[in-house]
Amino acid sequence: MIEGFGVDIVEVKRIKAAAKKFGARFLDKIFTKREIAYCKQKGAPEQHLAARFAAKEAVYKAFGGDGKNPIAWTDVEIINDKHGKPLVVLKGTARKLMTRRKVKKAVVSLSHTKNYAVGNCILLK
């Protein structure tokens, strides 16, 4: 059964500009070390960062924030399995919300082009 759904789209140039302007301060606030390392090894890291940003937003939307339990950016981590399939790892507040709402699994999908990145999330009971 679907408990929640979220989708987000972001302009790649916004993420690239923020990374250039604020550097590690921006990256470390939004992304985990694993996410940053994965994206930096790609030919167009800003596209992969933007896709992860969009997926994190989609996870937030799927949970539907209540204002009382803010989810930190790094509480949602987007990694890839050995075949390249994106997976979401929930930590901290996100993990607590998952437990409280009896969500068994969060599923994400990402896509990106030179200009845009999109992410979606489905929460399954």
PDB file of N, CA and C in Angstrom:
ATOM      1  N   MET A   1       0.838  -1.173   0.000  1.00  0.00           N
ATOM      2  CA  MET A   1       0.000   0.000   0.000  1.00  0.00           C
ATOM      3  C   MET A   1       0.891   1.248   0.000  1.00  0.00           C
ATOM      4  N   ILE A   2       0.512   2.245  -0.761  1.00  0.00           N
ATOM      5  CA  ILE A   2       1.280   3.486  -0.838  1.00  0.00           C
ATOM      6  C   ILE A   2       0.896   4.399   0.327  1.00  0.00           C
ATOM      7  N   GLU A   3       1.901   4.831   1.071  1.00  0.00           N
ATOM      8  CA  GLU A   3       1.717   5.725   2.209  1.00  0.00           C
ATOM      9  C   GLU A   3       1.977   7.171   1.821  1.00  0.00           C
ATOM     10  N   GLY A   4       2.836   7.370   0.828  1.00  0.00           N
ATOM     11  CA  GLY A   4       3.160   8.728   0.407  1.00  0.00           C
ATOM     12  C   GLY A   4       3.873   8.729  -0.923  1.00  0.00           C
ATOM     13  N   PHE A   5       3.774   9.871  -1.614  1.00  0.00           N
ATOM     14  CA  PHE A   5       4.435  10.037  -2.899  1.00  0.00           C
ATOM     15  C   PHE A   5       4.942  11.465  -2.998  1.00  0.00           C
ATOM     16  N   GLY A   6       6.137  11.631  -3.543  1.00  0.00           N
ATOM     17  CA  GLY A   6       6.693  12.965  -3.756  1.00  0.00           C
ATOM     18  C   GLY A   6       7.504  13.015  -5.024  1.00  0.00           C
ATOM     19  N   VAL A   7       7.543  14.177  -5.645  1.00  0.00           N
ATOM     20  CA  VAL A   7       8.338  14.387  -6.851  1.00  0.00           C
ATOM     21  C   VAL A   7       8.920  15.797  -6.808  1.00  0.00           C
ATOM     22  N   ASP A   8      10.103  15.973  -7.392  1.00  0.00           N
ATOM     23  CA  ASP A   8      10.717  17.291  -7.446  1.00  0.00           C
ATOM     24  C   ASP A   8      11.590  17.386  -8.693  1.00  0.00           C
ATOM     25  N   ILE A   9      11.675  18.593  -9.220  1.00  0.00           N
ATOM     26  CA  ILE A   9      12.549  18.871 -10.360  1.00  0.00           C
ATOM     27  C   ILE A   9      13.404  20.076  -9.996  1.00  0.00           C
ATOM     28  N   VAL A  10      14.644  20.065 -10.418  1.00  0.00           N
ATOM     29  CA  VAL A  10      15.575  21.150 -10.099  1.00  0.00           C
ATOM     30  C   VAL A  10      16.421  21.467 -11.334  1.00  0.00           C
ATOM     31  N   GLU A  11      16.759  22.740 -11.471  1.00  0.00           N
ATOM     32  CA  GLU A  11      17.666  23.135 -12.537  1.00  0.00           C
ATOM     33  C   GLU A  11      19.093  22.802 -12.111  1.00  0.00           C
ATOM     34  N   VAL A  12      19.806  22.109 -12.952  1.00  0.00           N
ATOM     35  CA  VAL A  12      21.178  21.702 -12.647  1.00  0.00           C
ATOM     36  C   VAL A  12      22.050  22.933 -12.371  1.00  0.00           C
ATOM     37  N   LYS A  13      21.832  24.006 -13.104  1.00  0.00           N
ATOM     38  CA  LYS A  13      22.673  25.198 -12.936  1.00  0.00           C
ATOM     39  C   LYS A  13      22.530  25.807 -11.537  1.00  0.00           C
ATOM     40  N   ARG A  14      21.390  25.645 -10.882  1.00  0.00           N
ATOM     41  CA  ARG A  14      21.222  26.157  -9.511  1.00  0.00           C
ATOM     42  C   ARG A  14      22.139  25.417  -8.537  1.00  0.00           C
ATOM     43  N   ILE A  15      22.207  24.096  -8.686  1.00  0.00           N
ATOM     44  CA  ILE A  15      23.065  23.298  -7.807  1.00  0.00           C
ATOM     45  C   ILE A  15      24.534  23.589  -8.109  1.00  0.00           C
ATOM     46  N   LYS A  16      24.861  23.697  -9.382  1.00  0.00           N
ATOM     47  CA  LYS A  16      26.240  23.997  -9.784  1.00  0.00           C
ATOM     48  C   LYS A  16      26.667  25.359  -9.236  1.00  0.00           C
ATOM     49  N   ALA A  17      25.798  26.348  -9.321  1.00  0.00           N
ATOM     50  CA  ALA A  17      26.115  27.694  -8.827  1.00  0.00           C
ATOM     51  C   ALA A  17      26.291  27.708  -7.308  1.00  0.00           C
ATOM     52  N   ALA A  18      25.421  27.004  -6.593  1.00  0.00           N
ATOM     53  CA  ALA A  18      25.531  26.950  -5.130  1.00  0.00           C
ATOM     54  C   ALA A  18      26.827  26.257  -4.707  1.00  0.00           C
ATOM     55  N   ALA A  19      27.178  25.178  -5.403  1.00  0.00           N
ATOM     56  CA  ALA A  19      28.414  24.452  -5.093  1.00  0.00           C
ATOM     57  C   ALA A  19      29.633  25.334  -5.370  1.00  0.00           C
ATOM     58  N   LYS A  20      29.563  26.110  -6.445  1.00  0.00           N
ATOM     59  CA  LYS A  20      30.685  26.991  -6.787  1.00  0.00           C
ATOM     60  C   LYS A  20      30.799  28.140  -5.784  1.00  0.00           C
ATOM     61  N   LYS A  21      29.666  28.735  -5.422  1.00  0.00           N
ATOM     62  CA  LYS A  21      29.658  29.892  -4.525  1.00  0.00           C
ATOM     63  C   LYS A  21      29.999  29.537  -3.080  1.00  0.00           C
ATOM     64  N   PHE A  22      29.410  28.451  -2.573  1.00  0.00           N
ATOM     65  CA  PHE A  22      29.561  28.108  -1.160  1.00  0.00           C
ATOM     66  C   PHE A  22      30.479  26.920  -0.910  1.00  0.00           C
ATOM     67  N   GLY A  23      30.857  26.192  -1.953  1.00  0.00           N
ATOM     68  CA  GLY A  23      31.812  25.094  -1.846  1.00  0.00           C
ATOM     69  C   GLY A  23      31.400  23.999  -0.873  1.00  0.00           C
ATOM     70  N   ALA A  24      32.369  23.561  -0.076  1.00  0.00           N
ATOM     71  CA  ALA A  24      32.148  22.446   0.850  1.00  0.00           C
ATOM     72  C   ALA A  24      31.066  22.749   1.873  1.00  0.00           C
ATOM     73  N   ARG A  25      30.899  24.023   2.236  1.00  0.00           N
ATOM     74  CA  ARG A  25      29.861  24.380   3.209  1.00  0.00           C
ATOM     75  C   ARG A  25      28.478  23.974   2.692  1.00  0.00           C
ATOM     76  N   PHE A  26      28.220  24.230   1.429  1.00  0.00           N
ATOM     77  CA  PHE A  26      26.948  23.827   0.809  1.00  0.00           C
ATOM     78  C   PHE A  26      26.868  22.313   0.661  1.00  0.00           C
ATOM     79  N   LEU A  27      27.890  21.731   0.077  1.00  0.00           N
ATOM     80  CA  LEU A  27      27.881  20.290  -0.192  1.00  0.00           C
ATOM     81  C   LEU A  27      27.705  19.473   1.082  1.00  0.00           C
ATOM     82  N   ASP A  28      28.445  19.819   2.141  1.00  0.00           N
ATOM     83  CA  ASP A  28      28.384  19.059   3.394  1.00  0.00           C
ATOM     84  C   ASP A  28      27.060  19.238   4.138  1.00  0.00           C
ATOM     85  N   LYS A  29      26.384  20.344   3.905  1.00  0.00           N
ATOM     86  CA  LYS A  29      25.078  20.573   4.539  1.00  0.00           C
ATOM     87  C   LYS A  29      23.992  19.734   3.877  1.00  0.00           C
ATOM     88  N   ILE A  30      24.104  19.552   2.559  1.00  0.00           N
ATOM     89  CA  ILE A  30      23.052  18.899   1.780  1.00  0.00           C
ATOM     90  C   ILE A  30      23.330  17.416   1.552  1.00  0.00           C
ATOM     91  N   PHE A  31      24.574  17.067   1.292  1.00  0.00           N
ATOM     92  CA  PHE A  31      24.923  15.715   0.859  1.00  0.00           C
ATOM     93  C   PHE A  31      25.830  14.998   1.856  1.00  0.00           C
ATOM     94  N   THR A  32      25.735  13.663   1.871  1.00  0.00           N
ATOM     95  CA  THR A  32      26.630  12.860   2.697  1.00  0.00           C
ATOM     96  C   THR A  32      27.970  12.693   1.973  1.00  0.00           C
ATOM     97  N   LYS A  33      28.954  12.250   2.704  1.00  0.00           N
ATOM     98  CA  LYS A  33      30.271  12.025   2.106  1.00  0.00           C
ATOM     99  C   LYS A  33      30.201  11.007   0.961  1.00  0.00           C
ATOM    100  N   ARG A  34      29.376   9.961   1.131  1.00  0.00           N
ATOM    101  CA  ARG A  34      29.233   8.953   0.064  1.00  0.00           C
ATOM    102  C   ARG A  34      28.606   9.553  -1.189  1.00  0.00           C
ATOM    103  N   GLU A  35      27.607  10.405  -1.003  1.00  0.00           N
ATOM    104  CA  GLU A  35      26.963  11.041  -2.156  1.00  0.00           C
ATOM    105  C   GLU A  35      27.945  11.941  -2.900  1.00  0.00           C
ATOM    106  N   ILE A  36      28.687  12.738  -2.151  1.00  0.00           N
ATOM    107  CA  ILE A  36      29.657  13.652  -2.763  1.00  0.00           C
ATOM    108  C   ILE A  36      30.726  12.872  -3.514  1.00  0.00           C
ATOM    109  N   ALA A  37      31.259  11.828  -2.894  1.00  0.00           N
ATOM    110  CA  ALA A  37      32.304  11.023  -3.536  1.00  0.00           C
ATOM    111  C   ALA A  37      31.785  10.381  -4.822  1.00  0.00           C
ATOM    112  N   TYR A  38      30.575   9.839  -4.784  1.00  0.00           N
ATOM    113  CA  TYR A  38      29.988   9.210  -5.976  1.00  0.00           C
ATOM    114  C   TYR A  38      29.845  10.234  -7.103  1.00  0.00           C
ATOM    115  N   CYS A  39      29.292  11.391  -6.787  1.00  0.00           N
ATOM    116  CA  CYS A  39      29.030  12.397  -7.812  1.00  0.00           C
ATOM    117  C   CYS A  39      30.312  12.983  -8.392  1.00  0.00           C
ATOM    118  N   LYS A  40      31.310  13.171  -7.546  1.00  0.00           N
ATOM    119  CA  LYS A  40      32.571  13.761  -8.007  1.00  0.00           C
ATOM    120  C   LYS A  40      33.310  12.868  -9.000  1.00  0.00           C
ATOM    121  N   GLN A  41      33.032  11.577  -8.987  1.00  0.00           N
ATOM    122  CA  GLN A  41      33.716  10.682  -9.920  1.00  0.00           C
ATOM    123  C   GLN A  41      33.050  10.663 -11.297  1.00  0.00           C
ATOM    124  N   LYS A  42      31.944  11.354 -11.442  1.00  0.00           N
ATOM    125  CA  LYS A  42      31.201  11.389 -12.700  1.00  0.00           C
ATOM    126  C   LYS A  42      31.691  12.527 -13.588  1.00  0.00           C
ATOM    127  N   GLY A  43      31.451  12.409 -14.887  1.00  0.00           N
ATOM    128  CA  GLY A  43      31.859  13.429 -15.850  1.00  0.00           C
ATOM    129  C   GLY A  43      31.157  14.762 -15.651  1.00  0.00           C
ATOM    130  N   ALA A  44      29.915  14.731 -15.200  1.00  0.00           N
ATOM    131  CA  ALA A  44      29.135  15.947 -14.937  1.00  0.00           C
ATOM    132  C   ALA A  44      28.566  15.846 -13.520  1.00  0.00           C
ATOM    133  N   PRO A  45      29.404  16.048 -12.497  1.00  0.00           N
ATOM    134  CA  PRO A  45      28.972  15.840 -11.114  1.00  0.00           C
ATOM    135  C   PRO A  45      27.749  16.661 -10.729  1.00  0.00           C
ATOM    136  N   GLU A  46      27.620  17.863 -11.303  1.00  0.00           N
ATOM    137  CA  GLU A  46      26.484  18.713 -10.944  1.00  0.00           C
ATOM    138  C   GLU A  46      25.144  18.082 -11.324  1.00  0.00           C
ATOM    139  N   GLN A  47      25.111  17.292 -12.391  1.00  0.00           N
ATOM    140  CA  GLN A  47      23.874  16.610 -12.777  1.00  0.00           C
ATOM    141  C   GLN A  47      23.497  15.552 -11.740  1.00  0.00           C
ATOM    142  N   HIS A  48      24.470  14.831 -11.257  1.00  0.00           N
ATOM    143  CA  HIS A  48      24.218  13.776 -10.268  1.00  0.00           C
ATOM    144  C   HIS A  48      23.869  14.373  -8.900  1.00  0.00           C
ATOM    145  N   LEU A  49      24.524  15.476  -8.545  1.00  0.00           N
ATOM    146  CA  LEU A  49      24.172  16.167  -7.304  1.00  0.00           C
ATOM    147  C   LEU A  49      22.744  16.698  -7.380  1.00  0.00           C
ATOM    148  N   ALA A  50      22.390  17.279  -8.518  1.00  0.00           N
ATOM    149  CA  ALA A  50      21.039  17.826  -8.692  1.00  0.00           C
ATOM    150  C   ALA A  50      19.987  16.724  -8.609  1.00  0.00           C
ATOM    151  N   ALA A  51      20.275  15.571  -9.181  1.00  0.00           N
ATOM    152  CA  ALA A  51      19.320  14.453  -9.120  1.00  0.00           C
ATOM    153  C   ALA A  51      19.121  13.999  -7.676  1.00  0.00           C
ATOM    154  N   ARG A  52      20.193  13.959  -6.900  1.00  0.00           N
ATOM    155  CA  ARG A  52      20.082  13.573  -5.498  1.00  0.00           C
ATOM    156  C   ARG A  52      19.344  14.645  -4.689  1.00  0.00           C
ATOM    157  N   PHE A  53      19.584  15.896  -5.013  1.00  0.00           N
ATOM    158  CA  PHE A  53      18.860  16.982  -4.362  1.00  0.00           C
ATOM    159  C   PHE A  53      17.361  16.833  -4.616  1.00  0.00           C
ATOM    160  N   ALA A  54      16.998  16.602  -5.874  1.00  0.00           N
ATOM    161  CA  ALA A  54      15.581  16.430  -6.232  1.00  0.00           C
ATOM    162  C   ALA A  54      14.974  15.219  -5.528  1.00  0.00           C
ATOM    163  N   ALA A  55      15.724  14.133  -5.434  1.00  0.00           N
ATOM    164  CA  ALA A  55      15.218  12.932  -4.765  1.00  0.00           C
ATOM    165  C   ALA A  55      15.003  13.186  -3.277  1.00  0.00           C
ATOM    166  N   LYS A  56      15.915  13.925  -2.648  1.00  0.00           N
ATOM    167  CA  LYS A  56      15.756  14.253  -1.230  1.00  0.00           C
ATOM    168  C   LYS A  56      14.491  15.084  -1.026  1.00  0.00           C
ATOM    169  N   GLU A  57      14.266  16.070  -1.887  1.00  0.00           N
ATOM    170  CA  GLU A  57      13.041  16.879  -1.826  1.00  0.00           C
ATOM    171  C   GLU A  57      11.813  15.995  -2.001  1.00  0.00           C
ATOM    172  N   ALA A  58      11.895  15.040  -2.910  1.00  0.00           N
ATOM    173  CA  ALA A  58      10.771  14.124  -3.139  1.00  0.00           C
ATOM    174  C   ALA A  58      10.477  13.293  -1.894  1.00  0.00           C
ATOM    175  N   VAL A  59      11.522  12.865  -1.198  1.00  0.00           N
ATOM    176  CA  VAL A  59      11.331  12.112   0.049  1.00  0.00           C
ATOM    177  C   VAL A  59      10.623  12.989   1.071  1.00  0.00           C
ATOM    178  N   TYR A  60      11.062  14.248   1.216  1.00  0.00           N
ATOM    179  CA  TYR A  60      10.417  15.163   2.164  1.00  0.00           C
ATOM    180  C   TYR A  60       8.936  15.319   1.836  1.00  0.00           C
ATOM    181  N   LYS A  61       8.654  15.487   0.552  1.00  0.00           N
ATOM    182  CA  LYS A  61       7.260  15.660   0.126  1.00  0.00           C
ATOM    183  C   LYS A  61       6.443  14.401   0.383  1.00  0.00           C
ATOM    184  N   ALA A  62       7.036  13.253   0.171  1.00  0.00           N
ATOM    185  CA  ALA A  62       6.326  11.991   0.401  1.00  0.00           C
ATOM    186  C   ALA A  62       5.940  11.850   1.874  1.00  0.00           C
ATOM    187  N   PHE A  63       6.822  12.299   2.772  1.00  0.00           N
ATOM    188  CA  PHE A  63       6.522  12.236   4.201  1.00  0.00           C
ATOM    189  C   PHE A  63       5.548  13.334   4.621  1.00  0.00           C
ATOM    190  N   GLY A  64       5.480  14.423   3.849  1.00  0.00           N
ATOM    191  CA  GLY A  64       4.570  15.509   4.184  1.00  0.00           C
ATOM    192  C   GLY A  64       4.908  16.124   5.516  1.00  0.00           C
ATOM    193  N   GLY A  65       5.856  17.016   5.532  1.00  0.00           N
ATOM    194  CA  GLY A  65       6.352  17.608   6.778  1.00  0.00           C
ATOM    195  C   GLY A  65       5.269  18.124   7.699  1.00  0.00           C
ATOM    196  N   ASP A  66       5.444  17.858   8.975  1.00  0.00           N
ATOM    197  CA  ASP A  66       4.481  18.327   9.966  1.00  0.00           C
ATOM    198  C   ASP A  66       4.992  19.550  10.719  1.00  0.00           C
ATOM    199  N   GLY A  67       6.183  20.023  10.375  1.00  0.00           N
ATOM    200  CA  GLY A  67       6.747  21.192  11.022  1.00  0.00           C
ATOM    201  C   GLY A  67       7.385  20.918  12.373  1.00  0.00           C
ATOM    202  N   LYS A  68       6.999  19.834  13.026  1.00  0.00           N
ATOM    203  CA  LYS A  68       7.519  19.505  14.351  1.00  0.00           C
ATOM    204  C   LYS A  68       8.770  18.635  14.275  1.00  0.00           C
ATOM    205  N   ASN A  69       8.888  17.878  13.202  1.00  0.00           N
ATOM    206  CA  ASN A  69       9.981  16.924  13.056  1.00  0.00           C
ATOM    207  C   ASN A  69      10.745  17.182  11.765  1.00  0.00           C
ATOM    208  N   PRO A  70      11.537  18.263  11.720  1.00  0.00           N
ATOM    209  CA  PRO A  70      12.258  18.549  10.473  1.00  0.00           C
ATOM    210  C   PRO A  70      13.280  17.463  10.152  1.00  0.00           C
ATOM    211  N   ILE A  71      13.353  17.126   8.896  1.00  0.00           N
ATOM    212  CA  ILE A  71      14.309  16.117   8.420  1.00  0.00           C
ATOM    213  C   ILE A  71      15.551  16.857   7.919  1.00  0.00           C
ATOM    214  N   ALA A  72      16.697  16.510   8.471  1.00  0.00           N
ATOM    215  CA  ALA A  72      17.958  17.105   8.004  1.00  0.00           C
ATOM    216  C   ALA A  72      18.264  16.585   6.609  1.00  0.00           C
ATOM    217  N   TRP A  73      18.907  17.415   5.806  1.00  0.00           N
ATOM    218  CA  TRP A  73      19.257  16.997   4.449  1.00  0.00           C
ATOM    219  C   TRP A  73      20.031  15.689   4.440  1.00  0.00           C
ATOM    220  N   THR A  74      20.951  15.542   5.374  1.00  0.00           N
ATOM    221  CA  THR A  74      21.802  14.344   5.384  1.00  0.00           C
ATOM    222  C   THR A  74      21.127  13.151   6.063  1.00  0.00           C
ATOM    223  N   ASP A  75      19.899  13.335   6.564  1.00  0.00           N
ATOM    224  CA  ASP A  75      19.118  12.190   7.066  1.00  0.00           C
ATOM    225  C   ASP A  75      18.565  11.358   5.921  1.00  0.00           C
ATOM    226  N   VAL A  76      18.612  11.917   4.722  1.00  0.00           N
ATOM    227  CA  VAL A  76      18.172  11.211   3.514  1.00  0.00           C
ATOM    228  C   VAL A  76      19.403  11.071   2.620  1.00  0.00           C
ATOM    229  N   GLU A  77      19.813   9.837   2.386  1.00  0.00           N
ATOM    230  CA  GLU A  77      21.001   9.575   1.569  1.00  0.00           C
ATOM    231  C   GLU A  77      20.588   8.758   0.350  1.00  0.00           C
ATOM    232  N   ILE A  78      21.009   9.218  -0.819  1.00  0.00           N
ATOM    233  CA  ILE A  78      20.715   8.515  -2.061  1.00  0.00           C
ATOM    234  C   ILE A  78      22.003   7.850  -2.543  1.00  0.00           C
ATOM    235  N   ILE A  79      21.991   6.524  -2.562  1.00  0.00           N
ATOM    236  CA  ILE A  79      23.152   5.754  -3.010  1.00  0.00           C
ATOM    237  C   ILE A  79      22.713   4.875  -4.178  1.00  0.00           C
ATOM    238  N   ASN A  80      23.630   4.123  -4.734  1.00  0.00           N
ATOM    239  CA  ASN A  80      23.316   3.206  -5.829  1.00  0.00           C
ATOM    240  C   ASN A  80      23.747   1.802  -5.468  1.00  0.00           C
ATOM    241  N   ASP A  81      22.935   0.820  -5.879  1.00  0.00           N
ATOM    242  CA  ASP A  81      23.361  -0.569  -5.678  1.00  0.00           C
ATOM    243  C   ASP A  81      24.399  -0.924  -6.737  1.00  0.00           C
ATOM    244  N   LYS A  82      24.872  -2.140  -6.721  1.00  0.00           N
ATOM    245  CA  LYS A  82      25.958  -2.549  -7.631  1.00  0.00           C
ATOM    246  C   LYS A  82      25.555  -2.504  -9.102  1.00  0.00           C
ATOM    247  N   HIS A  83      24.251  -2.434  -9.379  1.00  0.00           N
ATOM    248  CA  HIS A  83      23.769  -2.357 -10.758  1.00  0.00           C
ATOM    249  C   HIS A  83      23.422  -0.926 -11.164  1.00  0.00           C
ATOM    250  N   GLY A  84      23.597   0.023 -10.242  1.00  0.00           N
ATOM    251  CA  GLY A  84      23.321   1.418 -10.531  1.00  0.00           C
ATOM    252  C   GLY A  84      21.940   1.900 -10.103  1.00  0.00           C
ATOM    253  N   LYS A  85      21.113   0.990  -9.588  1.00  0.00           N
ATOM    254  CA  LYS A  85      19.768   1.361  -9.154  1.00  0.00           C
ATOM    255  C   LYS A  85      19.865   2.263  -7.922  1.00  0.00           C
ATOM    256  N   PRO A  86      19.165   3.412  -7.941  1.00  0.00           N
ATOM    257  CA  PRO A  86      19.225   4.277  -6.761  1.00  0.00           C
ATOM    258  C   PRO A  86      18.444   3.703  -5.588  1.00  0.00           C
ATOM    259  N   LEU A  87      19.019   3.872  -4.416  1.00  0.00           N
ATOM    260  CA  LEU A  87      18.404   3.424  -3.167  1.00  0.00           C
ATOM    261  C   LEU A  87      18.401   4.594  -2.202  1.00  0.00           C
ATOM    262  N   VAL A  88      17.414   4.628  -1.326  1.00  0.00           N
ATOM    263  CA  VAL A  88      17.372   5.677  -0.312  1.00  0.00           C
ATOM    264  C   VAL A  88      17.667   5.058   1.048  1.00  0.00           C
ATOM    265  N   VAL A  89      18.563   5.708   1.789  1.00  0.00           N
ATOM    266  CA  VAL A  89      18.900   5.301   3.148  1.00  0.00           C
ATOM    267  C   VAL A  89      18.393   6.415   4.058  1.00  0.00           C
ATOM    268  N   LEU A  90      17.510   6.056   4.988  1.00  0.00           N
ATOM    269  CA  LEU A  90      16.948   7.036   5.904  1.00  0.00           C
ATOM    270  C   LEU A  90      17.609   6.915   7.270  1.00  0.00           C
ATOM    271  N   LYS A  91      17.987   8.050   7.837  1.00  0.00           N
ATOM    272  CA  LYS A  91      18.655   8.104   9.133  1.00  0.00           C
ATOM    273  C   LYS A  91      17.943   9.143   9.999  1.00  0.00           C
ATOM    274  N   GLY A  92      18.300   9.206  11.254  1.00  0.00           N
ATOM    275  CA  GLY A  92      17.824  10.251  12.143  1.00  0.00           C
ATOM    276  C   GLY A  92      16.311  10.417  12.141  1.00  0.00           C
ATOM    277  N   THR A  93      15.866  11.654  11.990  1.00  0.00           N
ATOM    278  CA  THR A  93      14.438  11.977  12.010  1.00  0.00           C
ATOM    279  C   THR A  93      13.678  11.251  10.911  1.00  0.00           C
ATOM    280  N   ALA A  94      14.280  11.132   9.744  1.00  0.00           N
ATOM    281  CA  ALA A  94      13.613  10.432   8.640  1.00  0.00           C
ATOM    282  C   ALA A  94      13.346   8.977   9.000  1.00  0.00           C
ATOM    283  N   ARG A  95      14.300   8.337   9.642  1.00  0.00           N
ATOM    284  CA  ARG A  95      14.145   6.939  10.076  1.00  0.00           C
ATOM    285  C   ARG A  95      13.049   6.839  11.142  1.00  0.00           C
ATOM    286  N   LYS A  96      13.007   7.803  12.065  1.00  0.00           N
ATOM    287  CA  LYS A  96      11.970   7.812  13.100  1.00  0.00           C
ATOM    288  C   LYS A  96      10.580   7.988  12.490  1.00  0.00           C
ATOM    289  N   LEU A  97      10.464   8.874  11.500  1.00  0.00           N
ATOM    290  CA  LEU A  97       9.182   9.057  10.821  1.00  0.00           C
ATOM    291  C   LEU A  97       8.764   7.787  10.091  1.00  0.00           C
ATOM    292  N   MET A  98       9.723   7.128   9.481  1.00  0.00           N
ATOM    293  CA  MET A  98       9.458   5.874   8.782  1.00  0.00           C
ATOM    294  C   MET A  98       8.878   4.847   9.752  1.00  0.00           C
ATOM    295  N   THR A  99       9.486   4.723  10.909  1.00  0.00           N
ATOM    296  CA  THR A  99       9.021   3.782  11.928  1.00  0.00           C
ATOM    297  C   THR A  99       7.649   4.180  12.461  1.00  0.00           C
ATOM    298  N   ARG A 100       7.494   5.448  12.807  1.00  0.00           N
ATOM    299  CA  ARG A 100       6.235   5.938  13.367  1.00  0.00           C
ATOM    300  C   ARG A 100       5.064   5.753  12.399  1.00  0.00           C
ATOM    301  N   ARG A 101       5.329   5.951  11.112  1.00  0.00           N
ATOM    302  CA  ARG A 101       4.263   5.830  10.112  1.00  0.00           C
ATOM    303  C   ARG A 101       4.149   4.426   9.536  1.00  0.00           C
ATOM    304  N   LYS A 102       4.941   3.504  10.094  1.00  0.00           N
ATOM    305  CA  LYS A 102       4.914   2.094   9.692  1.00  0.00           C
ATOM    306  C   LYS A 102       5.213   1.907   8.190  1.00  0.00           C
ATOM    307  N   VAL A 103       6.144   2.717   7.690  1.00  0.00           N
ATOM    308  CA  VAL A 103       6.587   2.596   6.308  1.00  0.00           C
ATOM    309  C   VAL A 103       7.624   1.491   6.250  1.00  0.00           C
ATOM    310  N   LYS A 104       7.422   0.544   5.366  1.00  0.00           N
ATOM    311  CA  LYS A 104       8.360  -0.575   5.232  1.00  0.00           C
ATOM    312  C   LYS A 104       9.514  -0.250   4.288  1.00  0.00           C
ATOM    313  N   LYS A 105       9.233   0.574   3.277  1.00  0.00           N
ATOM    314  CA  LYS A 105      10.247   0.831   2.269  1.00  0.00           C
ATOM    315  C   LYS A 105      10.009   2.183   1.606  1.00  0.00           C
ATOM    316  N   ALA A 106      11.096   2.869   1.307  1.00  0.00           N
ATOM    317  CA  ALA A 106      11.056   4.088   0.504  1.00  0.00           C
ATOM    318  C   ALA A 106      11.766   3.772  -0.808  1.00  0.00           C
ATOM    319  N   VAL A 107      11.099   4.024  -1.913  1.00  0.00           N
ATOM    320  CA  VAL A 107      11.643   3.727  -3.236  1.00  0.00           C
ATOM    321  C   VAL A 107      11.832   5.047  -3.982  1.00  0.00           C
ATOM    322  N   VAL A 108      13.005   5.221  -4.588  1.00  0.00           N
ATOM    323  CA  VAL A 108      13.274   6.449  -5.334  1.00  0.00           C
ATOM    324  C   VAL A 108      13.673   6.141  -6.767  1.00  0.00           C
ATOM    325  N   SER A 109      13.446   7.126  -7.620  1.00  0.00           N
ATOM    326  CA  SER A 109      13.897   7.062  -8.994  1.00  0.00           C
ATOM    327  C   SER A 109      14.435   8.438  -9.360  1.00  0.00           C
ATOM    328  N   LEU A 110      15.511   8.467 -10.141  1.00  0.00           N
ATOM    329  CA  LEU A 110      16.166   9.718 -10.533  1.00  0.00           C
ATOM    330  C   LEU A 110      16.321   9.770 -12.046  1.00  0.00           C
ATOM    331  N   SER A 111      16.367  10.967 -12.566  1.00  0.00           N
ATOM    332  CA  SER A 111      16.699  11.153 -13.972  1.00  0.00           C
ATOM    333  C   SER A 111      17.283  12.552 -14.124  1.00  0.00           C
ATOM    334  N   HIS A 112      18.179  12.718 -15.086  1.00  0.00           N
ATOM    335  CA  HIS A 112      18.743  14.047 -15.303  1.00  0.00           C
ATOM    336  C   HIS A 112      19.194  14.224 -16.734  1.00  0.00           C
ATOM    337  N   THR A 113      19.203  15.484 -17.135  1.00  0.00           N
ATOM    338  CA  THR A 113      19.760  15.902 -18.412  1.00  0.00           C
ATOM    339  C   THR A 113      20.783  16.985 -18.100  1.00  0.00           C
ATOM    340  N   LYS A 114      21.289  17.619 -19.112  1.00  0.00           N
ATOM    341  CA  LYS A 114      22.259  18.698 -18.908  1.00  0.00           C
ATOM    342  C   LYS A 114      21.648  19.839 -18.091  1.00  0.00           C
ATOM    343  N   ASN A 115      20.352  20.087 -18.258  1.00  0.00           N
ATOM    344  CA  ASN A 115      19.719  21.250 -17.640  1.00  0.00           C
ATOM    345  C   ASN A 115      18.834  20.967 -16.440  1.00  0.00           C
ATOM    346  N   TYR A 116      18.244  19.775 -16.374  1.00  0.00           N
ATOM    347  CA  TYR A 116      17.274  19.480 -15.316  1.00  0.00           C
ATOM    348  C   TYR A 116      17.524  18.107 -14.697  1.00  0.00           C
ATOM    349  N   ALA A 117      17.128  18.009 -13.430  1.00  0.00           N
ATOM    350  CA  ALA A 117      17.168  16.717 -12.740  1.00  0.00           C
ATOM    351  C   ALA A 117      15.842  16.541 -12.015  1.00  0.00           C
ATOM    352  N   VAL A 118      15.365  15.313 -11.988  1.00  0.00           N
ATOM    353  CA  VAL A 118      14.099  15.006 -11.332  1.00  0.00           C
ATOM    354  C   VAL A 118      14.296  13.797 -10.418  1.00  0.00           C
ATOM    355  N   GLY A 119      13.553  13.797  -9.329  1.00  0.00           N
ATOM    356  CA  GLY A 119      13.563  12.661  -8.419  1.00  0.00           C
ATOM    357  C   GLY A 119      12.155  12.420  -7.924  1.00  0.00           C
ATOM    358  N   ASN A 120      11.837  11.154  -7.698  1.00  0.00           N
ATOM    359  CA  ASN A 120      10.537  10.857  -7.090  1.00  0.00           C
ATOM    360  C   ASN A 120      10.725   9.785  -6.041  1.00  0.00           C
ATOM    361  N   CYS A 121       9.751   9.741  -5.122  1.00  0.00           N
ATOM    362  CA  CYS A 121       9.799   8.798  -4.013  1.00  0.00           C
ATOM    363  C   CYS A 121       8.409   8.268  -3.747  1.00  0.00           C
ATOM    364  N   ILE A 122       8.338   6.963  -3.498  1.00  0.00           N
ATOM    365  CA  ILE A 122       7.104   6.331  -3.065  1.00  0.00           C
ATOM    366  C   ILE A 122       7.406   5.654  -1.728  1.00  0.00           C
ATOM    367  N   LEU A 123       6.569   5.947  -0.742  1.00  0.00           N
ATOM    368  CA  LEU A 123       6.656   5.284   0.568  1.00  0.00           C
ATOM    369  C   LEU A 123       5.663   4.146   0.584  1.00  0.00           C
ATOM    370  N   LEU A 124       6.132   2.935   0.899  1.00  0.00           N
ATOM    371  CA  LEU A 124       5.289   1.741   0.887  1.00  0.00           C
ATOM    372  C   LEU A 124       5.081   1.204   2.292  1.00  0.00           C
ATOM    373  N   LYS A 125       3.844   0.822   2.594  1.00  0.00           N
ATOM    374  CA  LYS A 125       3.522   0.215   3.897  1.00  0.00           C
ATOM    375  C   LYS A 125       3.608  -1.282   3.775  1.00  0.00           C
TER     376      LYS A 125
END
